Each structure stands twice: as C-alpha cells, then as structure tokens.
Protein backbone atom coordinates (compact mmCIF):
# COMPACT_ATOMS: atom_id res chain seq x y z
CA MET A 1 26.21 2.82 68.36
CA VAL A 2 26.97 -0.40 67.69
CA ASP A 3 30.49 -0.70 65.18
CA SER A 4 28.50 -3.85 62.57
CA TYR A 5 25.87 -1.94 60.29
CA PHE A 6 25.91 -3.09 56.30
CA LEU A 7 27.19 -0.42 54.01
CA PHE A 8 25.03 0.89 51.57
CA PRO A 9 27.14 0.01 47.94
CA GLN A 10 26.66 3.15 45.89
CA ILE A 11 24.51 2.58 42.72
CA ASP A 12 23.96 5.06 40.21
CA PRO A 13 20.63 5.54 40.06
CA VAL A 14 21.62 6.64 35.56
CA ILE A 15 20.73 2.16 34.68
CA PHE A 16 21.66 3.02 31.25
CA SER A 17 21.99 6.51 29.10
CA ILE A 18 21.10 7.14 25.25
CA GLY A 19 22.32 10.04 24.66
CA PRO A 20 19.90 12.34 26.71
CA VAL A 21 17.66 9.72 27.45
CA ALA A 22 17.59 8.10 30.63
CA VAL A 23 16.75 4.88 32.02
CA ARG A 24 15.98 5.87 35.50
CA TRP A 25 15.95 2.12 38.69
CA TYR A 26 12.86 4.39 40.11
CA GLY A 27 11.32 4.89 36.60
CA LEU A 28 11.44 1.12 36.04
CA MET A 29 10.15 -0.13 39.45
CA TYR A 30 7.12 2.22 37.71
CA VAL A 31 7.07 0.20 34.94
CA ILE A 32 7.49 -3.01 36.32
CA ALA A 33 4.60 -2.06 39.11
CA PHE A 34 2.41 -1.12 36.40
CA LEU A 35 2.82 -4.61 34.77
CA LEU A 36 2.40 -6.61 37.36
CA ALA A 37 -1.27 -4.34 38.30
CA ASN A 38 -2.28 -5.11 34.30
CA TRP A 39 -1.14 -8.90 34.60
CA LEU A 40 -2.60 -9.72 37.88
CA ALA A 41 -6.51 -7.30 36.50
CA ASN A 42 -6.89 -9.51 33.88
CA ARG A 43 -6.13 -11.80 35.31
CA GLN A 44 -8.86 -11.88 37.47
CA ALA A 45 -11.56 -9.74 34.40
CA ASP A 46 -10.94 -13.73 32.54
CA LYS A 47 -12.33 -15.99 35.19
CA PRO A 48 -16.17 -16.79 33.90
CA GLY A 49 -18.33 -13.51 35.78
CA SER A 50 -16.19 -10.73 36.53
CA GLY A 51 -17.91 -8.62 34.39
CA TRP A 52 -15.05 -7.15 33.57
CA THR A 53 -13.19 -7.68 29.39
CA ARG A 54 -9.83 -6.89 28.91
CA ASP A 55 -10.25 -3.06 27.54
CA GLN A 56 -12.40 -2.13 29.95
CA VAL A 57 -8.80 -3.45 32.54
CA SER A 58 -7.09 -1.35 29.75
CA ASP A 59 -9.25 1.88 31.54
CA LEU A 60 -8.40 1.52 34.25
CA LEU A 61 -5.29 1.19 34.76
CA PHE A 62 -5.04 4.21 32.26
CA PHE A 63 -6.80 6.36 34.67
CA GLY A 64 -5.09 5.41 37.80
CA PHE A 65 -1.74 5.79 36.45
CA LEU A 66 -3.07 9.10 35.20
CA GLY A 67 -4.55 9.52 39.41
CA VAL A 68 -1.60 8.16 41.21
CA ILE A 69 0.82 10.89 38.81
CA VAL A 70 -1.17 13.93 39.38
CA GLY A 71 -2.83 13.02 42.08
CA GLY A 72 1.33 12.07 44.67
CA ARG A 73 2.49 15.02 42.62
CA VAL A 74 -0.31 17.59 44.09
CA GLY A 75 -0.68 15.89 47.11
CA TYR A 76 2.99 16.53 47.60
CA VAL A 77 3.26 20.80 47.22
CA LEU A 78 0.31 19.83 48.88
CA PHE A 79 1.17 18.48 51.79
CA TYR A 80 4.60 18.23 51.88
CA SER A 81 5.76 21.64 49.84
CA PHE A 82 3.34 24.26 49.82
CA SER A 83 5.80 27.20 50.53
CA ASN A 84 7.51 26.18 47.77
CA PHE A 85 4.29 26.48 45.64
CA ILE A 86 3.01 29.72 47.22
CA ALA A 87 6.50 31.50 46.34
CA ASP A 88 6.20 29.65 42.84
CA PRO A 89 3.15 27.85 41.63
CA LEU A 90 4.97 26.38 39.00
CA TYR A 91 7.04 24.94 41.58
CA LEU A 92 4.03 22.37 40.78
CA PHE A 93 4.55 21.51 37.11
CA ARG A 94 8.96 21.67 38.24
CA THR A 95 8.39 16.90 38.63
CA TRP A 96 12.34 16.60 37.44
CA GLU A 97 12.90 18.44 41.01
CA GLY A 98 10.61 14.91 42.94
CA GLY A 99 8.45 15.33 44.83
CA MET A 100 5.14 12.52 44.97
CA SER A 101 3.33 11.57 48.10
CA PHE A 102 1.60 8.80 48.49
CA HIS A 103 -1.38 10.21 50.41
CA GLY A 104 -1.57 12.71 47.09
CA GLY A 105 -1.94 9.53 44.79
CA VAL A 106 -4.13 8.01 46.14
CA LEU A 107 -7.04 11.04 46.58
CA GLY A 108 -5.63 11.29 42.65
CA VAL A 109 -6.56 7.13 41.90
CA MET A 110 -9.58 7.78 43.84
CA ALA A 111 -11.00 10.73 41.74
CA ALA A 112 -10.06 8.92 38.75
CA MET A 113 -11.98 5.96 39.53
CA ALA A 114 -15.05 8.32 40.50
CA TRP A 115 -14.80 9.55 36.71
CA PHE A 116 -14.31 5.27 34.97
CA ALA A 117 -17.13 4.30 37.37
CA TRP A 118 -19.83 6.48 36.14
CA ARG A 119 -17.73 6.44 32.66
CA ASN A 120 -18.59 2.90 32.64
CA LYS A 121 -21.63 2.44 35.01
CA LYS A 122 -20.04 0.78 38.19
CA ARG A 123 -20.94 0.96 41.59
CA TYR A 124 -17.90 2.68 43.25
CA LEU A 125 -17.15 0.14 46.52
CA GLU A 126 -17.05 -3.07 43.86
CA LEU A 127 -14.60 -1.11 41.10
CA GLY A 128 -12.73 -1.00 44.78
CA ASP A 129 -12.27 -3.92 46.14
CA PHE A 130 -11.29 -4.54 42.41
CA VAL A 131 -8.01 -2.33 42.78
CA VAL A 132 -6.65 -2.33 45.65
CA PRO A 133 -5.41 -5.34 45.33
CA LEU A 134 -3.75 -4.39 42.50
CA LEU A 135 -1.82 -1.75 44.50
CA PRO A 136 0.76 -3.24 46.99
CA LEU A 137 2.96 -5.39 44.91
CA GLY A 138 3.12 -2.26 43.18
CA LEU A 139 4.15 -0.61 46.33
CA ALA A 140 6.80 -2.53 47.10
CA PHE A 141 8.72 -1.82 44.33
CA GLY A 142 8.53 1.30 44.58
CA ARG A 143 9.98 1.26 48.74
CA LEU A 144 12.68 -0.69 46.52
CA GLY A 145 13.38 2.51 44.02
CA ASN A 146 13.46 4.04 46.73
CA PHE A 147 16.18 1.96 49.11
CA ILE A 148 17.80 1.67 45.33
CA ASN A 149 17.82 5.21 45.65
CA GLY A 150 18.62 5.67 48.96
CA GLU A 151 16.40 7.55 49.59
CA LEU A 152 13.67 7.79 52.30
CA TRP A 153 15.72 6.44 54.35
CA GLY A 154 15.13 5.86 58.47
CA ARG A 155 15.92 7.37 62.20
CA THR A 156 19.19 5.82 63.82
CA THR A 157 19.66 2.91 65.15
CA ASP A 158 22.23 0.37 66.72
CA VAL A 159 19.81 -2.67 65.35
CA PRO A 160 22.31 -4.60 63.76
CA TRP A 161 20.38 -4.63 60.66
CA ALA A 162 20.59 -0.64 60.31
CA VAL A 163 22.33 0.37 57.29
CA LEU A 164 24.59 3.03 56.39
CA PHE A 165 23.78 5.68 53.68
CA PRO A 166 25.88 7.93 52.65
CA ASN A 167 24.20 10.39 52.11
CA ALA A 168 22.39 10.64 55.26
CA GLY A 169 25.40 11.68 56.84
CA MET A 170 28.12 8.89 59.51
CA LEU A 171 25.23 7.17 61.38
CA PRO A 172 24.00 4.31 60.48
CA ARG A 173 20.47 4.13 60.22
CA HIS A 174 16.70 1.78 59.98
CA PRO A 175 16.07 0.53 55.96
CA SER A 176 12.74 1.94 56.11
CA GLN A 177 11.84 1.47 53.04
CA LEU A 178 12.71 -2.48 53.76
CA TYR A 179 10.35 -2.37 56.34
CA GLU A 180 8.07 -0.31 53.94
CA LEU A 181 8.46 -3.47 51.31
CA LEU A 182 7.82 -5.63 53.54
CA ALA A 183 4.13 -4.89 55.72
CA GLU A 184 2.66 -2.03 52.88
CA GLY A 185 3.49 -3.92 49.49
CA ILE A 186 4.10 -7.94 50.69
CA ILE A 187 2.19 -8.63 53.64
CA LEU A 188 -0.62 -6.45 52.61
CA PHE A 189 -0.97 -8.38 49.01
CA ILE A 190 -1.25 -10.89 50.92
CA LEU A 191 -3.97 -10.48 53.19
CA LEU A 192 -5.18 -8.76 50.51
CA GLN A 193 -5.47 -12.00 49.35
CA TRP A 194 -6.44 -13.80 51.51
CA TYR A 195 -9.54 -11.41 52.11
CA LYS A 196 -11.44 -11.62 49.46
CA ARG A 197 -11.73 -14.60 49.09
CA LYS A 198 -14.04 -14.73 51.69
CA ASN A 199 -16.23 -13.00 49.89
CA PRO A 200 -16.67 -9.98 52.70
CA PRO A 201 -19.27 -6.66 51.89
CA ALA A 202 -18.65 -4.18 48.80
CA GLY A 203 -15.94 -2.03 50.24
CA ASN A 204 -14.55 -3.56 53.06
CA VAL A 205 -11.70 -5.03 50.66
CA ALA A 206 -10.88 -1.64 49.69
CA GLY A 207 -11.50 -0.13 53.57
CA LEU A 208 -9.31 -3.74 54.66
CA PHE A 209 -6.29 -1.08 52.19
CA LEU A 210 -7.02 1.83 53.44
CA LEU A 211 -6.96 0.15 57.22
CA GLY A 212 -4.21 -2.01 56.75
CA TYR A 213 -1.85 0.52 54.62
CA GLY A 214 -2.61 3.62 57.28
CA THR A 215 -1.76 1.56 60.50
CA ALA A 216 1.76 -0.38 58.83
CA ARG A 217 2.50 2.81 57.43
CA PHE A 218 1.99 4.43 60.69
CA ILE A 219 3.78 2.55 62.92
CA ILE A 220 7.09 2.62 60.62
CA GLU A 221 6.56 6.37 60.62
CA PHE A 222 8.16 6.13 64.37
CA PHE A 223 11.39 4.38 62.38
CA ARG A 224 11.71 6.86 59.06
CA GLU A 225 12.94 9.63 59.52
CA PRO A 226 10.65 13.19 59.07
CA ASP A 227 11.12 15.12 56.57
CA ALA A 228 13.83 17.87 57.34
CA HIS A 229 11.87 21.07 55.96
CA LEU A 230 8.64 19.57 58.59
CA GLY A 231 9.49 17.72 61.22
CA LEU A 232 7.92 16.38 63.57
CA LEU A 233 4.70 17.97 63.98
CA SER A 234 1.69 17.78 67.07
CA LEU A 235 2.19 15.70 69.39
CA GLY A 236 5.45 14.46 67.92
CA MET A 237 4.27 12.73 65.21
CA SER A 238 5.14 13.45 61.49
CA MET A 239 3.19 14.70 58.50
CA GLY A 240 3.17 10.73 56.94
CA GLN A 241 1.19 10.20 60.45
CA TRP A 242 -1.09 13.03 60.44
CA LEU A 243 -2.28 11.51 56.89
CA CYS A 244 -2.17 7.67 58.01
CA ILE A 245 -5.31 8.58 60.54
CA PRO A 246 -8.29 8.87 58.31
CA MET A 247 -7.84 7.21 55.76
CA ILE A 248 -7.08 4.23 59.29
CA ILE A 249 -10.17 6.47 60.15
CA ALA A 250 -12.45 5.66 56.75
CA GLY A 251 -10.87 1.70 55.91
CA SER A 252 -12.35 0.97 59.69
CA GLY A 253 -15.87 3.02 59.09
CA LEU A 254 -16.19 0.92 55.76
CA ILE A 255 -14.71 -2.39 57.25
CA ILE A 256 -17.93 -1.66 59.75
CA TRP A 257 -20.56 -0.46 56.81
CA GLY A 258 -20.19 -3.20 55.11
CA TYR A 259 -21.31 -5.94 57.45
CA SER A 260 -23.44 -3.98 59.46
CA ARG A 261 -25.49 -3.36 56.50
CA GLN A 262 -24.57 -7.13 55.57
CA ASN A 263 -25.91 -8.46 58.56
CA LYS A 264 -29.16 -5.99 57.90
CA ILE A 265 -30.46 -7.78 54.85
CA SER A 266 -30.07 -11.08 56.46
CA ALA A 267 -32.03 -9.75 59.47
CA LYS A 268 -34.73 -8.61 55.96
CA GLU A 269 -34.13 -11.39 54.18
CA SER A 270 -35.46 -14.18 57.36
CA LYS A 271 -38.65 -12.10 58.44
CA ALA A 272 -39.51 -12.44 53.94
C-alpha cells in the first residue's frame, strides 16, 4: 500500500438538530435531488406542445418519490437482507436502521409510473422518456450523501487518490461513491440530455438510462466493497452486478426494439 492517501474528514451526519428533530446531510441530499427534479420537469413541461402541465408534474413527482422510498426499502430487504425479514417481518418497517436499494427504487418508480400513466392516459414509454432524464442528478446527490456519511466505500487500493475511511479499517480504499457520482450522475445526465435532443424513438431515452446506469454500476462494483453479509456471489460478482444485468438487457432491448419499430414504420410510409 502507498504511504500517501487522503484522510477522510470526520463529518457529523447531523447538520443541526432542534430538540428531537435532526437535519441530516443524507436527507438534505434527497431534498436537493427532489427540488432539482421538480425544476427540470417544470422546465420541460413549460415548453410549447409538451403535453404536460405543472399539476401533472407535481403528481408525477409525488408518486415517483413514494415509489423510490417504498421500492428502495422493499428491494433492499428482498435483495440484501431477506434472512432478517424472514426472522422478523417487522424489519421491513425499521427504516431508521438503514438500508435502501437503488434497483428496488427503480422497480418502485416503474410501478408508480404505470399507475400515473393509467390515471392520466399517457403512454408508458413516453412517460419513461420524460422521467429518466430527471434521475441522474438525484443519483449524484445521493452518492455525495453516501460519501459525506463515510459509507458504501470502495475496496482497498494503492491508487494516489485512495481515501482512508475511519469506519472502514486502517487501509486506504477507492472512493467509489465519487466514481458513482461522476458516472451514474453527471456523465449519465449529460448523455441523456444529448440523446433526447436527437428525437429518438419512444422508449429509447428510458432504454439508454437502463443501459447506461447498469453498465456504469456493473463496472464500478469492481471497485466497491461488497456487502459484508453477502460478499461475492456466483462467478465472483456482487449482488449489485447481478441486479445490473437485467437492466442492461432491458435497456438494450428497448433501444433495439425502438429503432426496429421506427424503421418498419418508415418503410411502410415510403411504400404508401
């Protein structure tokens, strides 16, 4: 190991407290992510011919937020801590003990979107294309919250930018939270903003999000410390990597199907 590394500063996870009410850095990151998503969605809705109103945006974000919280918690319990749930079903509701799964959150948002689409008579794939560009910046702030909390650190390493996390032992580690902030947050946000301006087929922006996030997370998992109670699973892959594979397949399938459908429609129009 190298002698040079960054020492992680001891940051109090609580920003301030008033009596029993405490404002935490991680919670603040969620608030900032929600406000950013609201701003971006309203900006899109205000464009002429968008087919959206601000009231619909408000409802969408409300249901989406519920989907993230409920799906994230249920996903964590089912994917990462099912044995605890079997031993004590009330563990599902003890959210103060921590435990949220991004992949579960995605499933929760998909269910919330299905409900919203049915209720507002919107096409599901087009709704997905509207929603997914709102997500990466939220992911970026979430990973920043993980870094501030000194949690979900990376594997031990000797790279010059290694960080010594006090809660992770005495060996420097990859700051994998920051890798995810960059790849799953900032880069994916820029990529989606660029791609949606190309007027791709319906569902392809959502497909690119699934493919992009799944690929980025799969790669970064090689630098992230596996969950202690699970370790590495079959083929030496982590649970996070196994959960990314369906995302990559689904995203690729959506993109291929979208362009195939567009080409068929173009061929029919040219013959007409």
